[in-house]
């Protein structure tokens, strides 16, 4: 049994991976970039949560919605996964506590908004942390053609430049070919495996 299968069963309670999950998880664990197109409810989150737990360091997850971050962190915490978020709902002392946990290597997953992630302060902080992977959720937000466009998503190409050895996984449920090409181009995912 692989480490990924063990985490899937023991932490998340699933007997087997579905569809392409295992291929995606193994690719990211081995340090490769990935672009994942999977319908809502298809198990996208596991595709970065399991690699974040399997790889050394903290998995940094870019999420566009505060409610989504909080739901994911709550669900993971109930499973015993060490997850946290930094967003505008936290007091300064709570932000510092989360940062300390990340620096000490206590966290498996850290959720951030794209605006927070691309800030100079957060970029400087992440260089003090052992980052295991970057997961860019709702990656279609990078597309100017989409109704969810967020200009900060286009700045996420900084991750490849600043952290060239850290694998990145971009995930979305909705992307036609034009949006797909835009995600690859804007996020600098030219060598990524597309699933």
C-alpha atoms as a PDB file:
ATOM      1  CA  UNK A   1       0.000   0.000   0.000  1.00  0.00           C
ATOM      2  CA  UNK A   2       1.382   3.396  -0.965  1.00  0.00           C
ATOM      3  CA  UNK A   3       1.611   6.281   1.467  1.00  0.00           C
ATOM      4  CA  UNK A   4      -1.150   8.028  -0.496  1.00  0.00           C
ATOM      5  CA  UNK A   5      -3.492   5.025  -0.205  1.00  0.00           C
ATOM      6  CA  UNK A   6      -2.750   4.788   3.500  1.00  0.00           C
ATOM      7  CA  UNK A   7      -3.692   8.461   4.030  1.00  0.00           C
ATOM      8  CA  UNK A   8      -6.811   8.018   1.874  1.00  0.00           C
ATOM      9  CA  UNK A   9      -7.996   5.102   4.014  1.00  0.00           C
ATOM     10  CA  UNK A  10      -6.811   6.050   7.485  1.00  0.00           C
ATOM     11  CA  UNK A  11      -7.486   9.805   7.425  1.00  0.00           C
ATOM     12  CA  UNK A  12     -10.295  10.248   4.917  1.00  0.00           C
ATOM     13  CA  UNK A  13     -11.975   6.864   5.290  1.00  0.00           C
ATOM     14  CA  UNK A  14     -12.175   5.915   1.596  1.00  0.00           C
ATOM     15  CA  UNK A  15     -11.238   2.429   0.437  1.00  0.00           C
ATOM     16  CA  UNK A  16     -10.081   3.435  -3.044  1.00  0.00           C
ATOM     17  CA  UNK A  17      -9.264   6.438  -5.195  1.00  0.00           C
ATOM     18  CA  UNK A  18     -11.809   7.424  -7.841  1.00  0.00           C
ATOM     19  CA  UNK A  19     -11.183   8.087 -11.531  1.00  0.00           C
ATOM     20  CA  UNK A  20      -7.807   9.835 -11.989  1.00  0.00           C
ATOM     21  CA  UNK A  21      -7.270  10.811  -8.343  1.00  0.00           C
ATOM     22  CA  UNK A  22      -4.461   8.326  -7.756  1.00  0.00           C
ATOM     23  CA  UNK A  23      -2.506   9.400 -10.864  1.00  0.00           C
ATOM     24  CA  UNK A  24      -2.876  13.062  -9.871  1.00  0.00           C
ATOM     25  CA  UNK A  25      -1.885  12.459  -6.247  1.00  0.00           C
ATOM     26  CA  UNK A  26       1.165  10.374  -7.202  1.00  0.00           C
ATOM     27  CA  UNK A  27       2.296  12.990  -9.761  1.00  0.00           C
ATOM     28  CA  UNK A  28       2.146  15.813  -7.212  1.00  0.00           C
ATOM     29  CA  UNK A  29       3.773  13.748  -4.442  1.00  0.00           C
ATOM     30  CA  UNK A  30       6.657  13.038  -6.836  1.00  0.00           C
ATOM     31  CA  UNK A  31       7.114  16.777  -7.373  1.00  0.00           C
ATOM     32  CA  UNK A  32       5.385  17.310 -10.716  1.00  0.00           C
ATOM     33  CA  UNK A  33       3.048  20.189 -11.609  1.00  0.00           C
ATOM     34  CA  UNK A  34      -0.551  19.329 -12.520  1.00  0.00           C
ATOM     35  CA  UNK A  35      -3.646  20.938 -13.986  1.00  0.00           C
ATOM     36  CA  UNK A  36      -6.775  19.124 -12.811  1.00  0.00           C
ATOM     37  CA  UNK A  37     -10.148  19.487 -14.537  1.00  0.00           C
ATOM     38  CA  UNK A  38     -12.709  17.657 -12.451  1.00  0.00           C
ATOM     39  CA  UNK A  39     -16.425  18.217 -11.938  1.00  0.00           C
ATOM     40  CA  UNK A  40     -17.719  19.559  -8.633  1.00  0.00           C
ATOM     41  CA  UNK A  41     -18.071  16.645  -6.240  1.00  0.00           C
ATOM     42  CA  UNK A  42     -15.407  14.667  -8.098  1.00  0.00           C
ATOM     43  CA  UNK A  43     -12.930  14.778  -5.221  1.00  0.00           C
ATOM     44  CA  UNK A  44     -10.631  17.608  -6.319  1.00  0.00           C
ATOM     45  CA  UNK A  45      -9.671  18.560  -2.761  1.00  0.00           C
ATOM     46  CA  UNK A  46      -8.144  15.142  -2.052  1.00  0.00           C
ATOM     47  CA  UNK A  47      -5.844  15.684  -5.051  1.00  0.00           C
ATOM     48  CA  UNK A  48      -3.902  18.301  -3.082  1.00  0.00           C
ATOM     49  CA  UNK A  49      -4.781  17.444   0.518  1.00  0.00           C
ATOM     50  CA  UNK A  50      -3.222  13.972   0.345  1.00  0.00           C
ATOM     51  CA  UNK A  51       0.015  15.167  -1.357  1.00  0.00           C
ATOM     52  CA  UNK A  52       0.256  17.986   1.209  1.00  0.00           C
ATOM     53  CA  UNK A  53       0.175  15.386   3.976  1.00  0.00           C
ATOM     54  CA  UNK A  54       2.512  12.984   2.179  1.00  0.00           C
ATOM     55  CA  UNK A  55       5.164  15.542   1.239  1.00  0.00           C
ATOM     56  CA  UNK A  56       7.455  17.249   3.688  1.00  0.00           C
ATOM     57  CA  UNK A  57       6.431  20.821   4.507  1.00  0.00           C
ATOM     58  CA  UNK A  58       3.140  22.664   4.457  1.00  0.00           C
ATOM     59  CA  UNK A  59       0.750  22.624   1.511  1.00  0.00           C
ATOM     60  CA  UNK A  60      -0.247  26.197   0.694  1.00  0.00           C
ATOM     61  CA  UNK A  61      -3.739  26.364  -0.799  1.00  0.00           C
ATOM     62  CA  UNK A  62      -4.966  29.406  -2.726  1.00  0.00           C
ATOM     63  CA  UNK A  63      -8.704  29.741  -2.247  1.00  0.00           C
ATOM     64  CA  UNK A  64     -10.853  32.654  -3.449  1.00  0.00           C
ATOM     65  CA  UNK A  65     -13.619  32.471  -0.846  1.00  0.00           C
ATOM     66  CA  UNK A  66     -13.352  32.895   2.921  1.00  0.00           C
ATOM     67  CA  UNK A  67     -16.354  30.612   3.513  1.00  0.00           C
ATOM     68  CA  UNK A  68     -14.752  27.871   1.407  1.00  0.00           C
ATOM     69  CA  UNK A  69     -11.483  28.118   3.369  1.00  0.00           C
ATOM     70  CA  UNK A  70     -13.284  27.925   6.690  1.00  0.00           C
ATOM     71  CA  UNK A  71     -15.398  24.939   5.602  1.00  0.00           C
ATOM     72  CA  UNK A  72     -12.343  23.026   4.400  1.00  0.00           C
ATOM     73  CA  UNK A  73     -10.267  23.792   7.496  1.00  0.00           C
ATOM     74  CA  UNK A  74     -13.162  22.792   9.775  1.00  0.00           C
ATOM     75  CA  UNK A  75     -13.693  19.522   7.896  1.00  0.00           C
ATOM     76  CA  UNK A  76      -9.964  18.705   7.920  1.00  0.00           C
ATOM     77  CA  UNK A  77      -9.619  19.551  11.609  1.00  0.00           C
ATOM     78  CA  UNK A  78     -12.416  17.111  12.426  1.00  0.00           C
ATOM     79  CA  UNK A  79     -10.375  14.402  10.666  1.00  0.00           C
ATOM     80  CA  UNK A  80      -7.303  15.275  12.745  1.00  0.00           C
ATOM     81  CA  UNK A  81      -5.499  17.029   9.871  1.00  0.00           C
ATOM     82  CA  UNK A  82      -3.519  20.079  10.958  1.00  0.00           C
ATOM     83  CA  UNK A  83      -4.980  22.826   8.770  1.00  0.00           C
ATOM     84  CA  UNK A  84      -5.379  26.588   9.197  1.00  0.00           C
ATOM     85  CA  UNK A  85      -6.169  29.710   7.220  1.00  0.00           C
ATOM     86  CA  UNK A  86      -5.053  33.294   7.238  1.00  0.00           C
ATOM     87  CA  UNK A  87      -7.698  35.745   6.082  1.00  0.00           C
ATOM     88  CA  UNK A  88      -9.339  39.002   7.064  1.00  0.00           C
ATOM     89  CA  UNK A  89     -11.528  37.340   9.714  1.00  0.00           C
ATOM     90  CA  UNK A  90      -8.512  36.684  11.969  1.00  0.00           C
ATOM     91  CA  UNK A  91      -7.139  39.063  14.585  1.00  0.00           C
ATOM     92  CA  UNK A  92      -3.434  39.936  14.288  1.00  0.00           C
ATOM     93  CA  UNK A  93      -2.479  37.660  17.204  1.00  0.00           C
ATOM     94  CA  UNK A  94      -4.284  34.728  15.544  1.00  0.00           C
ATOM     95  CA  UNK A  95      -2.454  35.389  12.271  1.00  0.00           C
ATOM     96  CA  UNK A  96       0.839  35.302  14.181  1.00  0.00           C
ATOM     97  CA  UNK A  97      -0.130  32.009  15.845  1.00  0.00           C
ATOM     98  CA  UNK A  98      -0.893  30.426  12.462  1.00  0.00           C
ATOM     99  CA  UNK A  99       2.386  31.730  11.025  1.00  0.00           C
ATOM    100  CA  UNK A 100       4.285  30.267  13.968  1.00  0.00           C
ATOM    101  CA  UNK A 101       2.635  26.868  13.413  1.00  0.00           C
ATOM    102  CA  UNK A 102       3.630  27.022   9.749  1.00  0.00           C
ATOM    103  CA  UNK A 103       7.218  28.000  10.566  1.00  0.00           C
ATOM    104  CA  UNK A 104       7.510  25.200  13.131  1.00  0.00           C
ATOM    105  CA  UNK A 105       6.292  22.650  10.592  1.00  0.00           C
ATOM    106  CA  UNK A 106       3.153  21.829  12.568  1.00  0.00           C
ATOM    107  CA  UNK A 107       0.676  22.485   9.731  1.00  0.00           C
ATOM    108  CA  UNK A 108      -0.186  20.145   6.876  1.00  0.00           C
ATOM    109  CA  UNK A 109      -2.240  22.758   5.008  1.00  0.00           C
ATOM    110  CA  UNK A 110      -2.399  26.550   5.044  1.00  0.00           C
ATOM    111  CA  UNK A 111      -5.224  28.287   3.157  1.00  0.00           C
ATOM    112  CA  UNK A 112      -4.695  31.812   1.804  1.00  0.00           C
ATOM    113  CA  UNK A 113      -6.573  34.161  -0.504  1.00  0.00           C
ATOM    114  CA  UNK A 114      -4.782  35.069  -3.755  1.00  0.00           C
ATOM    115  CA  UNK A 115      -4.586  38.699  -2.578  1.00  0.00           C
ATOM    116  CA  UNK A 116      -2.857  37.645   0.644  1.00  0.00           C
ATOM    117  CA  UNK A 117      -0.530  35.190  -1.090  1.00  0.00           C
ATOM    118  CA  UNK A 118       0.873  37.669  -3.600  1.00  0.00           C
ATOM    119  CA  UNK A 119       1.545  40.345  -0.971  1.00  0.00           C
ATOM    120  CA  UNK A 120       5.229  41.090  -0.371  1.00  0.00           C
ATOM    121  CA  UNK A 121       4.850  40.334   3.331  1.00  0.00           C
ATOM    122  CA  UNK A 122       3.400  36.852   2.700  1.00  0.00           C
ATOM    123  CA  UNK A 123       5.954  36.078  -0.006  1.00  0.00           C
ATOM    124  CA  UNK A 124       8.752  36.959   2.421  1.00  0.00           C
ATOM    125  CA  UNK A 125       7.118  34.844   5.134  1.00  0.00           C
ATOM    126  CA  UNK A 126       6.732  31.797   2.865  1.00  0.00           C
ATOM    127  CA  UNK A 127      10.476  31.849   2.200  1.00  0.00           C
ATOM    128  CA  UNK A 128      10.925  31.153   5.925  1.00  0.00           C
ATOM    129  CA  UNK A 129       8.595  28.151   5.747  1.00  0.00           C
ATOM    130  CA  UNK A 130       9.178  24.671   4.343  1.00  0.00           C
ATOM    131  CA  UNK A 131       6.540  24.739   1.562  1.00  0.00           C
ATOM    132  CA  UNK A 132       5.647  21.274   0.277  1.00  0.00           C
ATOM    133  CA  UNK A 133       3.321  22.309  -2.550  1.00  0.00           C
ATOM    134  CA  UNK A 134       1.070  25.061  -3.846  1.00  0.00           C
ATOM    135  CA  UNK A 135      -2.535  24.224  -4.707  1.00  0.00           C
ATOM    136  CA  UNK A 136      -4.414  26.815  -6.745  1.00  0.00           C
ATOM    137  CA  UNK A 137      -8.090  26.053  -6.267  1.00  0.00           C
ATOM    138  CA  UNK A 138     -10.743  27.512  -8.577  1.00  0.00           C
ATOM    139  CA  UNK A 139      -7.967  28.136 -11.128  1.00  0.00           C
ATOM    140  CA  UNK A 140     -10.488  29.387 -13.714  1.00  0.00           C
ATOM    141  CA  UNK A 141     -10.477  32.677 -11.731  1.00  0.00           C
ATOM    142  CA  UNK A 142      -7.294  33.465 -13.686  1.00  0.00           C
ATOM    143  CA  UNK A 143      -9.298  33.775 -16.906  1.00  0.00           C
ATOM    144  CA  UNK A 144     -10.427  37.168 -18.087  1.00  0.00           C
ATOM    145  CA  UNK A 145     -13.112  35.336 -20.063  1.00  0.00           C
ATOM    146  CA  UNK A 146     -14.720  33.918 -16.934  1.00  0.00           C
ATOM    147  CA  UNK A 147     -17.320  35.526 -14.690  1.00  0.00           C
ATOM    148  CA  UNK A 148     -15.164  34.713 -11.621  1.00  0.00           C
ATOM    149  CA  UNK A 149     -12.102  36.643 -12.849  1.00  0.00           C
ATOM    150  CA  UNK A 150      -9.766  37.800 -10.051  1.00  0.00           C
ATOM    151  CA  UNK A 151      -6.767  39.833 -11.223  1.00  0.00           C
ATOM    152  CA  UNK A 152      -4.648  38.561  -8.300  1.00  0.00           C
ATOM    153  CA  UNK A 153      -4.871  35.068  -9.779  1.00  0.00           C
ATOM    154  CA  UNK A 154      -2.824  36.336 -12.719  1.00  0.00           C
ATOM    155  CA  UNK A 155      -0.063  37.302 -10.304  1.00  0.00           C
ATOM    156  CA  UNK A 156       0.231  33.695  -9.103  1.00  0.00           C
ATOM    157  CA  UNK A 157       2.847  33.005 -11.783  1.00  0.00           C
ATOM    158  CA  UNK A 158       5.137  34.494  -9.104  1.00  0.00           C
ATOM    159  CA  UNK A 159       5.006  31.090  -7.384  1.00  0.00           C
ATOM    160  CA  UNK A 160       6.927  29.408 -10.185  1.00  0.00           C
ATOM    161  CA  UNK A 161       9.548  32.165 -10.192  1.00  0.00           C
ATOM    162  CA  UNK A 162       9.916  32.443  -6.405  1.00  0.00           C
ATOM    163  CA  UNK A 163       9.617  28.726  -5.595  1.00  0.00           C
ATOM    164  CA  UNK A 164      10.874  26.916  -8.720  1.00  0.00           C
ATOM    165  CA  UNK A 165      11.307  23.567  -6.932  1.00  0.00           C
ATOM    166  CA  UNK A 166       7.883  23.477  -5.261  1.00  0.00           C
ATOM    167  CA  UNK A 167       5.218  21.575  -7.229  1.00  0.00           C
ATOM    168  CA  UNK A 168       1.995  23.375  -8.132  1.00  0.00           C
ATOM    169  CA  UNK A 169      -1.408  21.873  -8.721  1.00  0.00           C
ATOM    170  CA  UNK A 170      -4.132  24.030 -10.292  1.00  0.00           C
ATOM    171  CA  UNK A 171      -7.706  22.773 -10.038  1.00  0.00           C
ATOM    172  CA  UNK A 172     -11.023  23.770 -11.581  1.00  0.00           C
ATOM    173  CA  UNK A 173     -14.396  22.268 -12.368  1.00  0.00           C
ATOM    174  CA  UNK A 174     -15.099  24.520 -15.325  1.00  0.00           C
ATOM    175  CA  UNK A 175     -12.677  25.234 -18.140  1.00  0.00           C
ATOM    176  CA  UNK A 176     -13.173  25.113 -21.876  1.00  0.00           C
ATOM    177  CA  UNK A 177     -10.070  24.916 -24.064  1.00  0.00           C
ATOM    178  CA  UNK A 178      -9.545  28.684 -24.115  1.00  0.00           C
ATOM    179  CA  UNK A 179      -9.714  28.953 -20.314  1.00  0.00           C
ATOM    180  CA  UNK A 180      -7.494  25.880 -19.970  1.00  0.00           C
ATOM    181  CA  UNK A 181      -4.861  27.458 -22.219  1.00  0.00           C
ATOM    182  CA  UNK A 182      -5.117  30.676 -20.242  1.00  0.00           C
ATOM    183  CA  UNK A 183      -4.617  28.862 -16.917  1.00  0.00           C
ATOM    184  CA  UNK A 184      -1.497  27.135 -18.276  1.00  0.00           C
ATOM    185  CA  UNK A 185      -0.124  30.372 -19.701  1.00  0.00           C
ATOM    186  CA  UNK A 186      -0.959  32.706 -16.783  1.00  0.00           C
ATOM    187  CA  UNK A 187       0.198  30.303 -14.066  1.00  0.00           C
ATOM    188  CA  UNK A 188       3.294  29.245 -16.000  1.00  0.00           C
ATOM    189  CA  UNK A 189       2.230  25.584 -16.032  1.00  0.00           C
ATOM    190  CA  UNK A 190       3.690  24.712 -19.422  1.00  0.00           C
ATOM    191  CA  UNK A 191       5.274  21.477 -18.137  1.00  0.00           C
ATOM    192  CA  UNK A 192       2.267  20.440 -16.056  1.00  0.00           C
ATOM    193  CA  UNK A 193       0.454  17.149 -16.500  1.00  0.00           C
ATOM    194  CA  UNK A 194      -3.150  17.820 -17.521  1.00  0.00           C
ATOM    195  CA  UNK A 195      -5.729  15.516 -15.973  1.00  0.00           C
END
